[in-house]
Amino acid sequence: MYSNFELKNCNWLNKPNKVLFQGTSESECTIFPESKSDFWKRTYYDPELIHDNGHFLYTTIPNNENVTIESKVIINPKNQFDQGGLMIRLDSENWIKFGLEIVDLKPKL
């Protein structure tokens, strides 16, 4: 069972230059993302956009483990397509991200 684990003990894929841990047992973090960082695959754009340089704080969970993920995400968007959320990732080809993204000045799920 994975519950109440400490974010500061998780691993980074593409660690940002600036991140702050705070809260009880450092259970909260603020990420200051690098410009043009994202996870994005096989779009309808021409030329095709492919990015695998977003910031991802993660822990590994065994395949046979049942988990429930609960999180609170607060974003302070400054630009079109700014986003924050959760990601489940097997590898660079198999992942899903979900959260809030700013499109045309409106938050979208």
C-alpha atoms as a PDB file:
ATOM      1  CA  MET A   1       0.000   0.000   0.000  1.00  0.00           C
ATOM      2  CA  TYR A   2       1.407   3.379  -0.986  1.00  0.00           C
ATOM      3  CA  SER A   3       0.077   6.196   1.136  1.00  0.00           C
ATOM      4  CA  ASN A   4       1.503   9.319   2.710  1.00  0.00           C
ATOM      5  CA  PHE A   5       4.856   8.814   1.040  1.00  0.00           C
ATOM      6  CA  GLU A   6       7.187  11.808   1.061  1.00  0.00           C
ATOM      7  CA  LEU A   7       7.519  13.663  -2.216  1.00  0.00           C
ATOM      8  CA  LYS A   8      11.129  14.580  -1.435  1.00  0.00           C
ATOM      9  CA  ASN A   9      11.999  10.850  -1.583  1.00  0.00           C
ATOM     10  CA  CYS A  10      10.534  10.398  -5.065  1.00  0.00           C
ATOM     11  CA  ASN A  11      12.569  10.376  -8.276  1.00  0.00           C
ATOM     12  CA  TRP A  12      12.714  12.917 -11.083  1.00  0.00           C
ATOM     13  CA  LEU A  13      12.499  12.505 -14.802  1.00  0.00           C
ATOM     14  CA  ASN A  14      13.730  15.840 -16.216  1.00  0.00           C
ATOM     15  CA  LYS A  15      14.154  17.639 -12.905  1.00  0.00           C
ATOM     16  CA  PRO A  16      13.456  21.378 -13.158  1.00  0.00           C
ATOM     17  CA  ASN A  17      16.132  23.852 -12.091  1.00  0.00           C
ATOM     18  CA  LYS A  18      13.883  25.099  -9.283  1.00  0.00           C
ATOM     19  CA  VAL A  19      11.513  23.137  -7.067  1.00  0.00           C
ATOM     20  CA  LEU A  20      10.441  23.849  -3.476  1.00  0.00           C
ATOM     21  CA  PHE A  21       9.196  21.279  -0.970  1.00  0.00           C
ATOM     22  CA  GLN A  22       7.028  22.524   1.884  1.00  0.00           C
ATOM     23  CA  GLY A  23       4.077  21.534   4.048  1.00  0.00           C
ATOM     24  CA  THR A  24       3.757  18.873   6.704  1.00  0.00           C
ATOM     25  CA  SER A  25       6.528  16.319   6.134  1.00  0.00           C
ATOM     26  CA  GLU A  26       7.307  18.217   2.920  1.00  0.00           C
ATOM     27  CA  SER A  27       4.159  16.711   1.384  1.00  0.00           C
ATOM     28  CA  GLU A  28       3.699  19.686  -0.961  1.00  0.00           C
ATOM     29  CA  CYS A  29       5.912  20.895  -3.755  1.00  0.00           C
ATOM     30  CA  THR A  30       6.014  23.865  -6.067  1.00  0.00           C
ATOM     31  CA  ILE A  31       7.563  23.259  -9.474  1.00  0.00           C
ATOM     32  CA  PHE A  32       8.938  26.093 -11.568  1.00  0.00           C
ATOM     33  CA  PRO A  33       8.901  24.535 -15.052  1.00  0.00           C
ATOM     34  CA  GLU A  34      11.477  25.158 -17.735  1.00  0.00           C
ATOM     35  CA  SER A  35      10.285  26.910 -20.877  1.00  0.00           C
ATOM     36  CA  LYS A  36       9.007  24.619 -23.659  1.00  0.00           C
ATOM     37  CA  SER A  37       8.990  21.511 -21.449  1.00  0.00           C
ATOM     38  CA  ASP A  38       6.191  19.006 -22.068  1.00  0.00           C
ATOM     39  CA  PHE A  39       5.132  15.419 -22.650  1.00  0.00           C
ATOM     40  CA  TRP A  40       3.460  15.366 -26.057  1.00  0.00           C
ATOM     41  CA  LYS A  41       3.204  12.638 -28.741  1.00  0.00           C
ATOM     42  CA  ARG A  42       1.776  12.089 -32.189  1.00  0.00           C
ATOM     43  CA  THR A  43      -0.248  15.226 -32.684  1.00  0.00           C
ATOM     44  CA  TYR A  44      -2.282  16.404 -35.623  1.00  0.00           C
ATOM     45  CA  TYR A  45       0.171  19.279 -36.152  1.00  0.00           C
ATOM     46  CA  ASP A  46       2.403  19.402 -39.206  1.00  0.00           C
ATOM     47  CA  PRO A  47       5.248  18.991 -38.553  1.00  0.00           C
ATOM     48  CA  GLU A  48       4.456  16.447 -35.869  1.00  0.00           C
ATOM     49  CA  LEU A  49       5.301  17.571 -32.319  1.00  0.00           C
ATOM     50  CA  ILE A  50       7.057  15.113 -30.020  1.00  0.00           C
ATOM     51  CA  HIS A  51       8.276  16.172 -26.554  1.00  0.00           C
ATOM     52  CA  ASP A  52       9.498  14.031 -23.686  1.00  0.00           C
ATOM     53  CA  ASN A  53      11.186  16.740 -21.636  1.00  0.00           C
ATOM     54  CA  GLY A  54       8.475  17.663 -19.124  1.00  0.00           C
ATOM     55  CA  HIS A  55       9.082  17.502 -15.379  1.00  0.00           C
ATOM     56  CA  PHE A  56       7.867  14.319 -13.720  1.00  0.00           C
ATOM     57  CA  LEU A  57       8.194  13.555 -10.000  1.00  0.00           C
ATOM     58  CA  TYR A  58       7.441   9.868  -9.533  1.00  0.00           C
ATOM     59  CA  THR A  59       7.608   6.739  -7.464  1.00  0.00           C
ATOM     60  CA  THR A  60       7.670   3.191  -8.833  1.00  0.00           C
ATOM     61  CA  ILE A  61       4.747   0.930  -7.999  1.00  0.00           C
ATOM     62  CA  PRO A  62       4.897  -2.863  -8.540  1.00  0.00           C
ATOM     63  CA  ASN A  63       2.683  -4.243 -11.335  1.00  0.00           C
ATOM     64  CA  ASN A  64       0.595  -6.329  -8.932  1.00  0.00           C
ATOM     65  CA  GLU A  65      -0.158  -3.428  -6.547  1.00  0.00           C
ATOM     66  CA  ASN A  66      -3.623  -1.848  -6.476  1.00  0.00           C
ATOM     67  CA  VAL A  67      -3.438   1.890  -5.926  1.00  0.00           C
ATOM     68  CA  THR A  68      -5.656   4.912  -5.639  1.00  0.00           C
ATOM     69  CA  ILE A  69      -4.158   8.264  -6.546  1.00  0.00           C
ATOM     70  CA  GLU A  70      -5.417  11.390  -4.847  1.00  0.00           C
ATOM     71  CA  SER A  71      -3.876  14.786  -5.356  1.00  0.00           C
ATOM     72  CA  LYS A  72      -4.573  18.490  -5.224  1.00  0.00           C
ATOM     73  CA  VAL A  73      -3.132  20.459  -8.127  1.00  0.00           C
ATOM     74  CA  ILE A  74      -2.945  24.249  -8.141  1.00  0.00           C
ATOM     75  CA  ILE A  75      -1.535  25.995 -11.193  1.00  0.00           C
ATOM     76  CA  ASN A  76      -0.612  29.630 -11.697  1.00  0.00           C
ATOM     77  CA  PRO A  77      -0.657  29.874 -15.487  1.00  0.00           C
ATOM     78  CA  LYS A  78       1.215  32.621 -17.264  1.00  0.00           C
ATOM     79  CA  ASN A  79       1.085  31.449 -20.898  1.00  0.00           C
ATOM     80  CA  GLN A  80      -1.085  29.562 -23.388  1.00  0.00           C
ATOM     81  CA  PHE A  81      -0.919  25.774 -22.739  1.00  0.00           C
ATOM     82  CA  ASP A  82       0.524  26.097 -19.207  1.00  0.00           C
ATOM     83  CA  GLN A  83      -0.576  22.974 -17.351  1.00  0.00           C
ATOM     84  CA  GLY A  84      -0.223  20.875 -14.215  1.00  0.00           C
ATOM     85  CA  GLY A  85      -1.524  17.501 -13.167  1.00  0.00           C
ATOM     86  CA  LEU A  86      -0.761  13.825 -12.715  1.00  0.00           C
ATOM     87  CA  MET A  87       0.906  11.280 -14.970  1.00  0.00           C
ATOM     88  CA  ILE A  88       1.015   7.497 -15.079  1.00  0.00           C
ATOM     89  CA  ARG A  89       4.047   6.391 -17.084  1.00  0.00           C
ATOM     90  CA  LEU A  90       5.315   2.996 -18.150  1.00  0.00           C
ATOM     91  CA  ASP A  91       7.949   4.361 -20.565  1.00  0.00           C
ATOM     92  CA  SER A  92       8.451   7.091 -23.200  1.00  0.00           C
ATOM     93  CA  GLU A  93       5.866   5.482 -25.512  1.00  0.00           C
ATOM     94  CA  ASN A  94       3.229   4.436 -22.968  1.00  0.00           C
ATOM     95  CA  TRP A  95       1.858   7.065 -20.608  1.00  0.00           C
ATOM     96  CA  ILE A  96      -1.166   9.166 -19.825  1.00  0.00           C
ATOM     97  CA  LYS A  97      -1.270  12.635 -18.297  1.00  0.00           C
ATOM     98  CA  PHE A  98      -4.315  14.397 -16.938  1.00  0.00           C
ATOM     99  CA  GLY A  99      -4.823  17.711 -15.247  1.00  0.00           C
ATOM    100  CA  LEU A 100      -5.552  21.363 -15.932  1.00  0.00           C
ATOM    101  CA  GLU A 101      -4.325  23.180 -19.034  1.00  0.00           C
ATOM    102  CA  ILE A 102      -4.884  26.786 -20.088  1.00  0.00           C
ATOM    103  CA  VAL A 103      -6.234  27.095 -23.649  1.00  0.00           C
ATOM    104  CA  ASP A 104      -7.396  30.471 -24.967  1.00  0.00           C
ATOM    105  CA  LEU A 105      -7.282  31.892 -21.417  1.00  0.00           C
ATOM    106  CA  LYS A 106      -9.652  29.183 -20.095  1.00  0.00           C
ATOM    107  CA  PRO A 107      -8.823  26.176 -17.876  1.00  0.00           C
ATOM    108  CA  LYS A 108      -9.520  22.824 -19.539  1.00  0.00           C
ATOM    109  CA  LEU A 109      -9.390  19.294 -18.132  1.00  0.00           C
END
